Amino acid sequence: MAQSGKGKLNYRCPMCFMRDLDIDMFYDKEKKEYYCLRCQFTGSEEDVLAGNERVRLKYGAMMKRFTKFDFD
């Protein structure tokens, strides 16, 4: 999903991203937290970054090429 404008970097919702949905989060200045309109995830910037790090485990071997398939 493309970013709209040249402002601060948009964060992906970690809960939606775990389900392979690319949903941008919105920022509430009054509460100083990010929220998702699709799944109702809310959290601070640290919570969002930590959740996105957990998602990286899913794609850990994405750029690794497997050439040997011996399962013995």
Protein backbone atom coordinates (compact mmCIF):
# COMPACT_ATOMS: atom_id res chain seq x y z
CA MET A 1 0.00 0.00 0.00
CA ALA A 2 1.44 3.34 -1.00
CA GLN A 3 1.95 6.07 1.52
CA SER A 4 -0.19 9.16 1.11
CA GLY A 5 1.93 12.27 1.27
CA LYS A 6 5.45 12.88 2.47
CA GLY A 7 4.82 13.05 6.18
CA LYS A 8 5.90 10.71 8.93
CA LEU A 9 6.27 7.07 7.97
CA ASN A 10 3.02 5.13 8.11
CA TYR A 11 3.09 2.02 10.27
CA ARG A 12 1.38 -1.23 9.37
CA CYS A 13 -0.99 -2.76 11.86
CA PRO A 14 0.86 -5.79 13.30
CA MET A 15 -2.32 -7.81 13.90
CA CYS A 16 -3.58 -7.31 10.35
CA PHE A 17 -0.10 -7.82 8.90
CA MET A 18 0.13 -11.23 10.62
CA ARG A 19 -2.93 -12.18 8.58
CA ASP A 20 -1.26 -10.87 5.38
CA LEU A 21 -3.34 -7.70 5.28
CA ASP A 22 -1.51 -4.48 4.54
CA ILE A 23 -3.42 -1.92 6.62
CA ASP A 24 -1.96 1.46 7.61
CA MET A 25 -2.47 2.70 11.14
CA PHE A 26 -3.73 6.12 12.15
CA TYR A 27 -2.28 8.29 14.91
CA ASP A 28 -4.37 9.95 17.62
CA LYS A 29 -2.50 13.05 18.82
CA GLU A 30 -4.63 13.49 21.94
CA LYS A 31 -4.07 9.95 23.25
CA LYS A 32 -0.60 9.68 21.66
CA GLU A 33 -1.31 6.21 20.30
CA TYR A 34 -1.77 4.44 17.00
CA TYR A 35 -4.96 2.64 16.07
CA CYS A 36 -6.27 0.39 13.29
CA LEU A 37 -9.71 0.88 11.80
CA ARG A 38 -10.04 -2.74 10.71
CA CYS A 39 -9.17 -4.76 13.82
CA GLN A 40 -9.31 -2.16 16.64
CA PHE A 41 -5.64 -2.64 17.59
CA THR A 42 -4.32 0.31 19.62
CA GLY A 43 -0.88 0.91 21.02
CA SER A 44 2.08 3.20 21.37
CA GLU A 45 4.80 3.48 18.76
CA GLU A 46 6.88 0.97 20.72
CA ASP A 47 4.00 -1.54 20.72
CA VAL A 48 3.59 -1.21 16.96
CA LEU A 49 7.31 -1.60 16.28
CA ALA A 50 7.53 -4.63 18.58
CA GLY A 51 4.54 -6.23 16.85
CA ASN A 52 6.06 -5.65 13.44
CA GLU A 53 9.31 -7.27 14.63
CA ARG A 54 7.33 -10.38 15.62
CA VAL A 55 5.87 -10.48 12.10
CA ARG A 56 9.39 -10.57 10.65
CA LEU A 57 9.81 -14.08 12.11
CA LYS A 58 7.19 -15.27 9.63
CA TYR A 59 9.27 -14.04 6.69
CA GLY A 60 12.69 -14.88 8.15
CA ALA A 61 13.76 -17.25 5.38
CA MET A 62 12.08 -15.38 2.54
CA MET A 63 15.34 -14.38 0.85
CA LYS A 64 17.08 -17.71 1.52
CA ARG A 65 17.41 -20.15 -1.36
CA PHE A 66 16.93 -23.81 -0.51
CA THR A 67 18.70 -26.16 -2.91
CA LYS A 68 18.95 -29.40 -0.96
CA PHE A 69 15.83 -31.24 0.14
CA ASP A 70 16.90 -34.38 1.98
CA PHE A 71 14.58 -35.10 4.87
CA ASP A 72 16.31 -38.28 6.05
